[in-house]
Amino acid sequence: MEESWILTANQLLSFHFVVLLVMGMTEVVKRILSKRVQAFNDYAPLVSVFWGVLLAFWVYFYGYIENPLLAVASGVFVGLYTSGLWDLGKRSFYKGVLGRIKG
């Protein structure tokens, strides 16, 4: 039987569930740490990528994904999808890291 790249309804729902889970966990961390750490919101996209990779490893260890590289790539994709690739570049690196080095 040929492998199909068409996503089933369960796969789509699972993906969106993971995205919502990463979004919620990132928001919890943001609310806890934004009052304690100055300019923490600049690094929130990195937290989102962290949660995505962590959940992807969890999925890998439970056997739903067989390739660890695919698990890491999926986790990074979910994290970037959640936070927005633009926010990662604009807020974390340009304003966050490079802004502190320049200033």
N, C-alpha and C. Protein backbone atom coordinates (compact mmCIF):
# COMPACT_ATOMS: atom_id res chain seq x y z
N MET A 1 0.84 -1.17 0.00
CA MET A 1 0.00 0.00 0.00
C MET A 1 0.89 1.24 0.00
N GLU A 2 0.54 2.20 -0.82
CA GLU A 2 1.32 3.43 -0.90
C GLU A 2 1.09 4.31 0.31
N GLU A 3 2.14 5.03 0.67
CA GLU A 3 2.03 5.98 1.78
C GLU A 3 1.37 7.25 1.26
N SER A 4 0.38 7.71 1.96
CA SER A 4 -0.35 8.90 1.54
C SER A 4 0.06 10.09 2.39
N TRP A 5 0.20 11.24 1.76
CA TRP A 5 0.57 12.46 2.47
C TRP A 5 -0.64 13.29 2.83
N ILE A 6 -1.82 12.77 2.56
CA ILE A 6 -3.05 13.48 2.90
C ILE A 6 -3.32 13.28 4.39
N LEU A 7 -3.55 14.38 5.08
CA LEU A 7 -3.79 14.31 6.53
C LEU A 7 -5.22 13.88 6.82
N THR A 8 -5.35 13.01 7.78
CA THR A 8 -6.69 12.60 8.20
C THR A 8 -7.23 13.61 9.21
N ALA A 9 -8.48 13.49 9.53
CA ALA A 9 -9.10 14.40 10.49
C ALA A 9 -8.45 14.26 11.87
N ASN A 10 -8.10 13.03 12.26
CA ASN A 10 -7.44 12.83 13.55
C ASN A 10 -6.08 13.50 13.59
N GLN A 11 -5.32 13.42 12.51
CA GLN A 11 -4.01 14.05 12.47
C GLN A 11 -4.13 15.57 12.53
N LEU A 12 -5.09 16.11 11.81
CA LEU A 12 -5.29 17.56 11.85
C LEU A 12 -5.71 18.02 13.24
N LEU A 13 -6.61 17.30 13.86
CA LEU A 13 -7.05 17.66 15.20
C LEU A 13 -5.91 17.51 16.20
N SER A 14 -5.09 16.49 16.04
CA SER A 14 -3.94 16.29 16.93
C SER A 14 -2.95 17.43 16.79
N PHE A 15 -2.67 17.84 15.56
CA PHE A 15 -1.73 18.93 15.32
C PHE A 15 -2.24 20.22 15.97
N HIS A 16 -3.49 20.53 15.76
CA HIS A 16 -4.04 21.76 16.32
C HIS A 16 -4.15 21.68 17.84
N PHE A 17 -4.38 20.50 18.36
CA PHE A 17 -4.38 20.34 19.81
C PHE A 17 -2.99 20.62 20.38
N VAL A 18 -1.95 20.11 19.73
CA VAL A 18 -0.58 20.36 20.19
C VAL A 18 -0.25 21.84 20.08
N VAL A 19 -0.68 22.49 19.01
CA VAL A 19 -0.43 23.92 18.85
C VAL A 19 -1.11 24.70 19.97
N LEU A 20 -2.35 24.36 20.27
CA LEU A 20 -3.06 25.05 21.35
C LEU A 20 -2.42 24.76 22.70
N LEU A 21 -1.94 23.55 22.89
CA LEU A 21 -1.26 23.20 24.14
C LEU A 21 0.03 24.00 24.30
N VAL A 22 0.82 24.09 23.24
CA VAL A 22 2.06 24.88 23.29
C VAL A 22 1.74 26.35 23.52
N MET A 23 0.70 26.85 22.86
CA MET A 23 0.31 28.24 23.04
C MET A 23 -0.10 28.52 24.49
N GLY A 24 -0.86 27.62 25.07
CA GLY A 24 -1.29 27.79 26.45
C GLY A 24 -0.14 27.72 27.44
N MET A 25 0.77 26.76 27.25
CA MET A 25 1.92 26.63 28.16
C MET A 25 2.84 27.85 28.04
N THR A 26 3.01 28.35 26.84
CA THR A 26 3.83 29.54 26.65
C THR A 26 3.19 30.75 27.33
N GLU A 27 1.90 30.86 27.23
CA GLU A 27 1.20 31.98 27.86
C GLU A 27 1.31 31.92 29.38
N VAL A 28 1.24 30.72 29.94
CA VAL A 28 1.40 30.57 31.39
C VAL A 28 2.79 31.02 31.83
N VAL A 29 3.81 30.59 31.09
CA VAL A 29 5.18 30.99 31.42
C VAL A 29 5.34 32.50 31.26
N LYS A 30 4.75 33.06 30.21
CA LYS A 30 4.83 34.51 30.01
C LYS A 30 4.21 35.27 31.17
N ARG A 31 3.06 34.84 31.61
CA ARG A 31 2.39 35.54 32.71
C ARG A 31 3.14 35.41 34.02
N ILE A 32 3.78 34.29 34.24
CA ILE A 32 4.54 34.09 35.47
C ILE A 32 5.84 34.89 35.44
N LEU A 33 6.57 34.82 34.34
CA LEU A 33 7.91 35.39 34.30
C LEU A 33 7.97 36.84 33.81
N SER A 34 6.93 37.33 33.14
CA SER A 34 7.01 38.69 32.61
C SER A 34 7.09 39.75 33.70
N LYS A 35 6.54 39.45 34.87
CA LYS A 35 6.62 40.40 35.98
C LYS A 35 7.93 40.30 36.73
N ARG A 36 8.60 39.16 36.61
CA ARG A 36 9.84 38.93 37.35
C ARG A 36 11.09 39.19 36.52
N VAL A 37 11.01 38.93 35.22
CA VAL A 37 12.17 39.08 34.33
C VAL A 37 11.90 40.24 33.39
N GLN A 38 12.80 41.20 33.38
CA GLN A 38 12.62 42.37 32.54
C GLN A 38 12.74 41.97 31.07
N ALA A 39 11.84 42.44 30.26
CA ALA A 39 11.80 42.20 28.81
C ALA A 39 11.70 40.72 28.48
N PHE A 40 10.97 39.95 29.29
CA PHE A 40 10.83 38.52 29.03
C PHE A 40 10.03 38.26 27.77
N ASN A 41 9.10 39.13 27.44
CA ASN A 41 8.26 38.92 26.26
C ASN A 41 9.07 38.86 24.97
N ASP A 42 10.29 39.43 24.98
CA ASP A 42 11.15 39.33 23.80
C ASP A 42 11.60 37.89 23.55
N TYR A 43 11.62 37.08 24.59
CA TYR A 43 12.09 35.71 24.48
C TYR A 43 10.95 34.69 24.50
N ALA A 44 9.73 35.14 24.50
CA ALA A 44 8.59 34.23 24.53
C ALA A 44 8.55 33.28 23.32
N PRO A 45 8.91 33.72 22.11
CA PRO A 45 8.94 32.76 21.00
C PRO A 45 9.93 31.62 21.22
N LEU A 46 11.02 31.89 21.89
CA LEU A 46 11.97 30.81 22.19
C LEU A 46 11.38 29.81 23.17
N VAL A 47 10.58 30.31 24.10
CA VAL A 47 9.88 29.42 25.05
C VAL A 47 8.89 28.55 24.28
N SER A 48 8.24 29.13 23.30
CA SER A 48 7.29 28.39 22.48
C SER A 48 7.99 27.27 21.71
N VAL A 49 9.15 27.55 21.16
CA VAL A 49 9.92 26.52 20.46
C VAL A 49 10.36 25.44 21.45
N PHE A 50 10.76 25.84 22.65
CA PHE A 50 11.15 24.88 23.68
C PHE A 50 10.01 23.92 23.99
N TRP A 51 8.80 24.46 24.21
CA TRP A 51 7.66 23.60 24.51
C TRP A 51 7.34 22.67 23.33
N GLY A 52 7.45 23.20 22.11
CA GLY A 52 7.19 22.37 20.94
C GLY A 52 8.15 21.20 20.84
N VAL A 53 9.44 21.46 21.06
CA VAL A 53 10.43 20.39 21.00
C VAL A 53 10.24 19.40 22.15
N LEU A 54 9.92 19.90 23.33
CA LEU A 54 9.68 19.03 24.47
C LEU A 54 8.51 18.08 24.21
N LEU A 55 7.43 18.61 23.68
CA LEU A 55 6.28 17.76 23.37
C LEU A 55 6.60 16.78 22.24
N ALA A 56 7.41 17.22 21.28
CA ALA A 56 7.79 16.33 20.18
C ALA A 56 8.64 15.17 20.68
N PHE A 57 9.54 15.42 21.64
CA PHE A 57 10.31 14.33 22.23
C PHE A 57 9.40 13.38 23.00
N TRP A 58 8.43 13.93 23.66
CA TRP A 58 7.46 13.09 24.38
C TRP A 58 6.74 12.17 23.39
N VAL A 59 6.33 12.72 22.26
CA VAL A 59 5.66 11.93 21.23
C VAL A 59 6.62 10.88 20.67
N TYR A 60 7.89 11.24 20.50
CA TYR A 60 8.89 10.30 19.99
C TYR A 60 9.11 9.14 20.97
N PHE A 61 9.23 9.45 22.25
CA PHE A 61 9.48 8.39 23.22
C PHE A 61 8.27 7.47 23.41
N TYR A 62 7.09 7.95 23.12
CA TYR A 62 5.92 7.09 23.18
C TYR A 62 5.70 6.31 21.89
N GLY A 63 6.54 6.52 20.89
CA GLY A 63 6.52 5.71 19.69
C GLY A 63 5.62 6.18 18.57
N TYR A 64 5.08 7.38 18.67
CA TYR A 64 4.22 7.86 17.60
C TYR A 64 5.02 8.37 16.40
N ILE A 65 6.24 8.80 16.65
CA ILE A 65 7.17 9.20 15.59
C ILE A 65 8.41 8.33 15.75
N GLU A 66 8.87 7.74 14.65
CA GLU A 66 9.99 6.82 14.74
C GLU A 66 11.35 7.49 14.57
N ASN A 67 11.40 8.61 13.90
CA ASN A 67 12.66 9.28 13.61
C ASN A 67 12.87 10.44 14.59
N PRO A 68 13.95 10.44 15.38
CA PRO A 68 14.16 11.54 16.34
C PRO A 68 14.40 12.89 15.68
N LEU A 69 15.02 12.88 14.49
CA LEU A 69 15.23 14.14 13.78
C LEU A 69 13.90 14.73 13.32
N LEU A 70 13.01 13.87 12.88
CA LEU A 70 11.67 14.32 12.50
C LEU A 70 10.91 14.86 13.71
N ALA A 71 11.12 14.25 14.86
CA ALA A 71 10.46 14.72 16.08
C ALA A 71 10.95 16.12 16.44
N VAL A 72 12.26 16.35 16.37
CA VAL A 72 12.81 17.68 16.68
C VAL A 72 12.31 18.70 15.66
N ALA A 73 12.34 18.34 14.38
CA ALA A 73 11.87 19.26 13.34
C ALA A 73 10.39 19.58 13.54
N SER A 74 9.60 18.58 13.90
CA SER A 74 8.18 18.82 14.15
C SER A 74 7.98 19.75 15.34
N GLY A 75 8.78 19.54 16.39
CA GLY A 75 8.68 20.40 17.57
C GLY A 75 9.06 21.84 17.26
N VAL A 76 10.11 22.02 16.49
CA VAL A 76 10.51 23.38 16.10
C VAL A 76 9.42 24.01 15.24
N PHE A 77 8.86 23.24 14.32
CA PHE A 77 7.79 23.75 13.46
C PHE A 77 6.58 24.17 14.28
N VAL A 78 6.19 23.34 15.22
CA VAL A 78 5.03 23.68 16.06
C VAL A 78 5.32 24.94 16.89
N GLY A 79 6.52 25.04 17.43
CA GLY A 79 6.89 26.22 18.20
C GLY A 79 6.89 27.49 17.36
N LEU A 80 7.46 27.39 16.17
CA LEU A 80 7.47 28.55 15.27
C LEU A 80 6.07 28.88 14.78
N TYR A 81 5.30 27.86 14.51
CA TYR A 81 3.93 28.07 14.08
C TYR A 81 3.13 28.77 15.17
N THR A 82 3.36 28.36 16.40
CA THR A 82 2.63 28.93 17.52
C THR A 82 3.00 30.39 17.75
N SER A 83 4.25 30.67 17.77
CA SER A 83 4.69 32.03 18.10
C SER A 83 4.73 32.94 16.89
N GLY A 84 4.84 32.37 15.74
CA GLY A 84 4.96 33.16 14.53
C GLY A 84 6.43 33.37 14.21
N LEU A 85 6.82 32.98 13.04
CA LEU A 85 8.22 33.10 12.64
C LEU A 85 8.67 34.55 12.66
N TRP A 86 7.77 35.45 12.32
CA TRP A 86 8.13 36.86 12.31
C TRP A 86 8.47 37.36 13.71
N ASP A 87 7.69 36.95 14.69
CA ASP A 87 7.96 37.37 16.07
C ASP A 87 9.31 36.85 16.55
N LEU A 88 9.66 35.64 16.16
CA LEU A 88 10.94 35.09 16.58
C LEU A 88 12.09 35.94 16.05
N GLY A 89 12.04 36.29 14.79
CA GLY A 89 13.11 37.09 14.21
C GLY A 89 13.10 38.52 14.70
N LYS A 90 11.94 39.12 14.72
CA LYS A 90 11.84 40.54 15.07
C LYS A 90 12.06 40.80 16.55
N ARG A 91 11.40 40.05 17.38
CA ARG A 91 11.44 40.36 18.81
C ARG A 91 12.63 39.73 19.52
N SER A 92 12.91 38.46 19.24
CA SER A 92 13.94 37.76 20.00
C SER A 92 15.35 38.13 19.56
N PHE A 93 15.57 38.12 18.26
CA PHE A 93 16.94 38.34 17.80
C PHE A 93 17.23 39.80 17.51
N TYR A 94 16.39 40.45 16.74
CA TYR A 94 16.71 41.82 16.34
C TYR A 94 16.59 42.80 17.50
N LYS A 95 15.45 42.82 18.15
CA LYS A 95 15.27 43.75 19.27
C LYS A 95 15.86 43.20 20.57
N GLY A 96 15.77 41.90 20.75
CA GLY A 96 16.22 41.30 22.01
C GLY A 96 17.73 41.19 22.10
N VAL A 97 18.29 40.25 21.40
CA VAL A 97 19.72 39.95 21.51
C VAL A 97 20.56 41.05 20.88
N LEU A 98 20.28 41.36 19.61
CA LEU A 98 21.10 42.37 18.93
C LEU A 98 20.90 43.76 19.51
N GLY A 99 19.71 44.06 19.98
CA GLY A 99 19.46 45.36 20.61
C GLY A 99 20.25 45.55 21.88
N ARG A 100 20.41 44.48 22.63
CA ARG A 100 21.19 44.57 23.87
C ARG A 100 22.70 44.63 23.58
N ILE A 101 23.13 43.98 22.49
CA ILE A 101 24.55 44.05 22.13
C ILE A 101 24.90 45.44 21.61
N LYS A 102 24.02 46.02 20.78
CA LYS A 102 24.27 47.35 20.21
C LYS A 102 24.20 48.43 21.30
N GLY A 103 23.24 48.26 22.22
CA GLY A 103 22.98 49.31 23.21
C GLY A 103 23.74 49.08 24.43
